[in-house]
Protein backbone atom coordinates (compact mmCIF):
# COMPACT_ATOMS: atom_id res chain seq x y z
CA UNK A 1 -36.16 30.76 6.17
CA UNK A 2 -33.61 29.49 8.80
CA UNK A 3 -31.26 26.87 8.00
CA UNK A 4 -29.30 25.08 10.80
CA UNK A 5 -26.65 22.04 10.40
CA UNK A 6 -25.16 20.24 13.11
CA UNK A 7 -23.16 16.72 13.20
CA UNK A 8 -23.92 14.28 16.06
CA UNK A 9 -20.63 11.81 16.75
CA UNK A 10 -21.19 8.15 18.12
CA UNK A 11 -18.75 5.52 18.92
CA UNK A 12 -20.59 2.48 19.63
CA UNK A 13 -19.29 -0.15 22.20
CA UNK A 14 -20.21 -3.30 19.84
CA UNK A 15 -20.27 -4.03 16.28
CA UNK A 16 -23.90 -3.73 16.02
CA UNK A 17 -26.12 -1.57 18.29
CA UNK A 18 -29.30 0.75 18.33
CA UNK A 19 -28.88 4.29 19.98
CA UNK A 20 -32.18 6.17 20.56
CA UNK A 21 -31.09 9.83 19.54
CA UNK A 22 -34.52 11.40 19.96
CA UNK A 23 -33.38 13.71 22.72
CA UNK A 24 -30.38 14.94 20.67
CA UNK A 25 -32.37 15.66 18.00
CA UNK A 26 -35.04 17.64 20.01
CA UNK A 27 -31.80 19.65 21.50
CA UNK A 28 -30.79 20.28 18.08
CA UNK A 29 -34.53 21.67 17.23
CA UNK A 30 -34.41 23.82 20.39
CA UNK A 31 -30.94 25.05 19.16
CA UNK A 32 -31.99 25.85 15.80
CA UNK A 33 -34.73 28.14 16.69
CA UNK A 34 -37.00 26.73 14.12
CA UNK A 35 -40.93 26.53 15.01
CA UNK A 36 -42.26 25.33 11.83
CA UNK A 37 -40.30 23.29 9.24
CA UNK A 38 -38.69 20.00 8.54
CA UNK A 39 -35.48 18.22 10.26
CA UNK A 40 -33.43 15.66 8.25
CA UNK A 41 -31.39 13.22 10.28
CA UNK A 42 -28.96 10.94 8.26
CA UNK A 43 -26.33 8.72 8.70
CA UNK A 44 -23.02 9.70 7.09
CA UNK A 45 -21.52 6.24 6.98
CA UNK A 46 -22.48 3.48 4.76
CA UNK A 47 -22.57 0.69 7.48
CA UNK A 48 -25.02 2.86 9.74
CA UNK A 49 -28.66 3.66 9.60
CA UNK A 50 -31.17 5.99 10.89
CA UNK A 51 -34.84 5.03 11.10
CA UNK A 52 -38.19 5.46 13.45
CA UNK A 53 -39.43 3.19 15.33
CA UNK A 54 -40.65 2.02 18.98
CA UNK A 55 -38.06 1.99 21.91
CA UNK A 56 -38.72 -1.31 22.86
CA UNK A 57 -35.88 -3.88 23.71
CA UNK A 58 -37.74 -7.01 22.34
CA UNK A 59 -38.28 -5.26 19.12
CA UNK A 60 -34.46 -4.69 18.79
CA UNK A 61 -33.61 -7.92 19.39
CA UNK A 62 -36.06 -8.75 16.60
CA UNK A 63 -34.52 -6.56 14.29
CA UNK A 64 -31.03 -8.16 15.10
CA UNK A 65 -32.38 -11.66 14.42
CA UNK A 66 -34.14 -10.59 11.34
CA UNK A 67 -31.41 -8.77 9.82
CA UNK A 68 -28.81 -11.52 10.60
CA UNK A 69 -31.30 -14.05 8.68
CA UNK A 70 -31.19 -11.63 5.67
CA UNK A 71 -27.52 -10.64 5.73
CA UNK A 72 -25.36 -12.98 8.02
CA UNK A 73 -22.18 -11.58 9.29
CA UNK A 74 -20.34 -14.88 8.69
CA UNK A 75 -18.88 -16.57 7.01
CA UNK A 76 -17.02 -13.42 5.43
CA UNK A 77 -16.13 -15.40 2.57
CA UNK A 78 -19.71 -15.50 1.22
CA UNK A 79 -19.31 -11.76 -0.01
CA UNK A 80 -17.54 -10.60 -2.96
CA UNK A 81 -17.00 -7.36 -0.96
CA UNK A 82 -15.20 -8.82 1.67
CA UNK A 83 -11.77 -9.29 -0.28
CA UNK A 84 -10.76 -5.85 1.51
CA UNK A 85 -12.85 -5.49 4.44
CA UNK A 86 -15.16 -7.86 6.32
CA UNK A 87 -18.19 -5.59 6.51
CA UNK A 88 -20.42 -6.81 3.55
CA UNK A 89 -23.02 -7.61 5.66
CA UNK A 90 -23.25 -4.32 7.48
CA UNK A 91 -23.62 -2.65 3.92
CA UNK A 92 -26.70 -4.78 3.23
CA UNK A 93 -28.10 -4.30 6.63
CA UNK A 94 -27.95 -0.56 6.41
CA UNK A 95 -29.80 -0.89 3.12
CA UNK A 96 -32.77 -2.48 4.48
CA UNK A 97 -32.78 -0.10 7.59
CA UNK A 98 -32.53 3.10 5.62
CA UNK A 99 -30.07 5.85 5.40
CA UNK A 100 -32.32 8.97 6.82
CA UNK A 101 -35.42 10.22 8.05
CA UNK A 102 -37.29 13.47 7.67
CA UNK A 103 -39.54 14.60 10.74
CA UNK A 104 -41.98 17.79 10.82
CA UNK A 105 -41.43 20.25 13.42
CA UNK A 106 -44.40 22.02 14.70
CA UNK A 107 -44.62 24.59 17.48
CA UNK A 108 -40.77 24.20 17.96
CA UNK A 109 -41.11 20.34 18.79
CA UNK A 110 -40.65 17.18 16.91
CA UNK A 111 -43.94 16.13 15.38
CA UNK A 112 -43.52 12.34 16.14
CA UNK A 113 -46.48 9.61 16.55
CA UNK A 114 -47.27 8.49 20.07
CA UNK A 115 -44.51 5.59 20.19
CA UNK A 116 -42.26 6.85 17.50
CA UNK A 117 -38.45 7.47 18.28
CA UNK A 118 -35.36 8.35 16.45
CA UNK A 119 -32.66 5.74 16.22
CA UNK A 120 -28.96 5.41 14.87
CA UNK A 121 -28.44 1.86 14.13
CA UNK A 122 -24.95 0.75 13.73
CA UNK A 123 -23.70 -2.47 11.81
CA UNK A 124 -19.84 -1.93 11.73
CA UNK A 125 -19.35 -0.40 15.00
CA UNK A 126 -16.40 0.29 17.57
CA UNK A 127 -15.25 3.47 15.61
CA UNK A 128 -16.29 7.17 15.43
CA UNK A 129 -19.02 7.79 12.89
CA UNK A 130 -21.30 10.87 12.53
CA UNK A 131 -25.16 11.66 11.86
CA UNK A 132 -26.04 14.83 9.81
CA UNK A 133 -29.03 16.90 11.53
CA UNK A 134 -30.43 19.52 8.89
CA UNK A 135 -33.02 21.59 9.93
CA UNK A 136 -34.95 24.23 7.62
CA UNK A 137 -38.01 26.28 8.46
CA UNK A 138 -39.20 29.38 10.13
């Protein structure tokens, strides 16, 4: 069995942003040489997420509105965590959107549904953060 590990680094230009990272994960699968197996993609920071959904701008705006209703950024004073930092909302948003995804690799390609794409979700951005890609298989 082969094992492959790579870190992808991102630095978003906004506090909250969604990046389609499907192509980067495709490149990792090719680089790994795995034809049949699994890829784990996970955010290595507690204020970021990795998830699968459609790459549609209206949907991304809906995520933003929905998450802001569930865990509004301001006022910062509403959160106990914000005594030291001002990112409690980002921790909560990450909890809702998830930490990681696992995708099958079949015949050397990501085995995604017709509209499925892999996204990195940033909720406390404008600084360098990483995503771990771990691939195992034959």
